[in-house]
């Protein structure tokens, strides 16, 4: 058995569609850090963990909004057409997926920061506290 090559790679066009599709739903810690540091201004980062987890350390500039509290009124402070980037604890946590689904159901643009806090720390980026 040759696990890498037994199943052929997808056709190039299919691969482009697949990987560009992923990028429409996800961003990574490096890109969020680069955009935030450059003053991109094109997105708001939402930490969807508990207030206690947020207080222990979070991505600089992030706004705390636990995913269970996402509603039209809890998002009122953010432009309806502004991109929201959500994150939670890390790959072992599905809070960001719940948040992204809730935000999308409200008709707002959203992406998940893959890796969450685990990814942020693994990249060597600093945390901040309130």
Protein backbone atom coordinates (compact mmCIF):
# COMPACT_ATOMS: atom_id res chain seq x y z
CA UNK A 1 0.00 0.00 0.00
CA UNK A 2 1.21 3.49 -0.93
CA UNK A 3 -1.05 5.79 1.09
CA UNK A 4 0.07 9.01 -0.60
CA UNK A 5 -0.08 7.88 -4.20
CA UNK A 6 -2.70 5.09 -4.29
CA UNK A 7 -5.40 7.71 -4.80
CA UNK A 8 -4.38 10.15 -7.54
CA UNK A 9 -4.37 13.88 -6.90
CA UNK A 10 -7.41 15.83 -8.01
CA UNK A 11 -7.43 17.54 -11.39
CA UNK A 12 -5.92 21.02 -11.17
CA UNK A 13 -9.22 22.80 -11.74
CA UNK A 14 -10.91 20.76 -9.03
CA UNK A 15 -8.01 21.44 -6.66
CA UNK A 16 -8.23 25.19 -7.28
CA UNK A 17 -11.97 25.14 -6.50
CA UNK A 18 -11.43 23.10 -3.35
CA UNK A 19 -8.56 25.10 -1.89
CA UNK A 20 -9.98 28.51 -2.82
CA UNK A 21 -13.23 27.32 -1.27
CA UNK A 22 -11.42 26.60 1.99
CA UNK A 23 -9.91 30.08 1.94
CA UNK A 24 -13.40 31.57 1.64
CA UNK A 25 -14.28 29.96 4.99
CA UNK A 26 -10.99 30.07 6.87
CA UNK A 27 -7.99 32.22 7.55
CA UNK A 28 -4.99 31.44 9.70
CA UNK A 29 -3.25 32.98 12.68
CA UNK A 30 -0.40 34.33 10.57
CA UNK A 31 -2.73 36.20 8.23
CA UNK A 32 -4.83 37.59 11.10
CA UNK A 33 -1.67 38.77 12.85
CA UNK A 34 -0.30 40.33 9.66
CA UNK A 35 -3.60 42.05 8.89
CA UNK A 36 -4.01 43.33 12.43
CA UNK A 37 -0.42 44.55 12.67
CA UNK A 38 -0.71 46.34 9.33
CA UNK A 39 -3.91 48.03 10.46
CA UNK A 40 -5.91 46.24 7.77
CA UNK A 41 -9.19 47.43 9.27
CA UNK A 42 -11.08 45.05 7.02
CA UNK A 43 -12.14 42.67 9.79
CA UNK A 44 -13.07 42.34 13.44
CA UNK A 45 -11.67 39.46 15.48
CA UNK A 46 -14.16 37.79 17.83
CA UNK A 47 -12.94 35.58 20.66
CA UNK A 48 -15.92 33.28 21.17
CA UNK A 49 -14.64 31.66 24.36
CA UNK A 50 -15.89 32.38 27.87
CA UNK A 51 -15.17 35.72 29.54
CA UNK A 52 -12.83 33.92 31.99
CA UNK A 53 -10.80 32.37 29.16
CA UNK A 54 -10.70 35.75 27.39
CA UNK A 55 -9.46 37.46 30.57
CA UNK A 56 -6.66 34.89 30.92
CA UNK A 57 -5.25 36.00 27.56
CA UNK A 58 -6.49 36.66 24.04
CA UNK A 59 -5.51 37.84 20.59
CA UNK A 60 -4.69 41.57 20.74
CA UNK A 61 -7.63 43.65 19.55
CA UNK A 62 -10.11 40.78 19.82
CA UNK A 63 -13.60 41.37 21.15
CA UNK A 64 -15.06 38.78 23.50
CA UNK A 65 -18.44 37.39 22.44
CA UNK A 66 -19.10 33.83 23.66
CA UNK A 67 -20.60 31.88 20.79
CA UNK A 68 -23.79 31.03 22.69
CA UNK A 69 -24.53 34.78 22.98
CA UNK A 70 -24.30 35.58 19.28
CA UNK A 71 -27.42 37.33 18.06
CA UNK A 72 -28.39 40.24 15.87
CA UNK A 73 -28.33 42.53 18.92
CA UNK A 74 -24.95 41.27 20.21
CA UNK A 75 -23.46 42.02 16.78
CA UNK A 76 -25.09 45.45 16.48
CA UNK A 77 -21.83 47.26 17.26
CA UNK A 78 -20.24 45.79 14.12
CA UNK A 79 -20.96 46.86 10.55
CA UNK A 80 -23.47 44.45 8.94
CA UNK A 81 -21.21 43.95 5.93
CA UNK A 82 -17.93 43.83 7.88
CA UNK A 83 -15.99 40.59 8.01
CA UNK A 84 -15.99 38.87 11.39
CA UNK A 85 -13.12 36.46 12.13
CA UNK A 86 -13.91 34.02 14.93
CA UNK A 87 -11.63 31.84 17.05
CA UNK A 88 -11.85 29.63 20.11
CA UNK A 89 -9.35 27.55 22.08
CA UNK A 90 -7.91 25.54 19.22
CA UNK A 91 -8.41 22.59 16.89
CA UNK A 92 -9.92 20.56 19.73
CA UNK A 93 -12.71 23.13 20.22
CA UNK A 94 -15.74 23.62 17.97
CA UNK A 95 -16.83 26.94 19.46
CA UNK A 96 -15.55 28.83 16.42
CA UNK A 97 -17.58 26.56 14.14
CA UNK A 98 -20.72 27.20 16.20
CA UNK A 99 -19.99 30.94 16.12
CA UNK A 100 -19.34 31.01 12.39
CA UNK A 101 -22.56 29.13 11.69
CA UNK A 102 -24.57 31.50 13.92
CA UNK A 103 -23.04 34.56 12.27
CA UNK A 104 -23.65 33.17 8.78
CA UNK A 105 -27.29 32.42 9.68
CA UNK A 106 -27.61 36.13 10.48
CA UNK A 107 -26.44 36.93 6.93
CA UNK A 108 -23.07 38.34 7.94
CA UNK A 109 -19.65 37.60 6.39
CA UNK A 110 -17.52 35.36 8.60
CA UNK A 111 -14.31 33.34 8.57
CA UNK A 112 -12.80 31.04 11.16
CA UNK A 113 -9.22 31.56 12.31
CA UNK A 114 -7.94 28.00 12.12
CA UNK A 115 -5.78 26.94 15.02
CA UNK A 116 -7.47 29.30 17.49
CA UNK A 117 -5.49 30.15 20.60
CA UNK A 118 -3.32 27.05 20.19
CA UNK A 119 -2.29 28.16 16.72
CA UNK A 120 -1.72 31.74 17.84
CA UNK A 121 0.61 30.60 20.62
CA UNK A 122 2.34 28.04 18.36
CA UNK A 123 3.15 30.87 15.92
CA UNK A 124 4.85 32.73 18.78
CA UNK A 125 2.43 35.66 18.78
CA UNK A 126 1.82 37.59 22.00
CA UNK A 127 -1.40 37.49 23.96
CA UNK A 128 -2.95 40.41 25.73
CA UNK A 129 -5.17 40.72 28.80
CA UNK A 130 -7.96 43.22 29.47
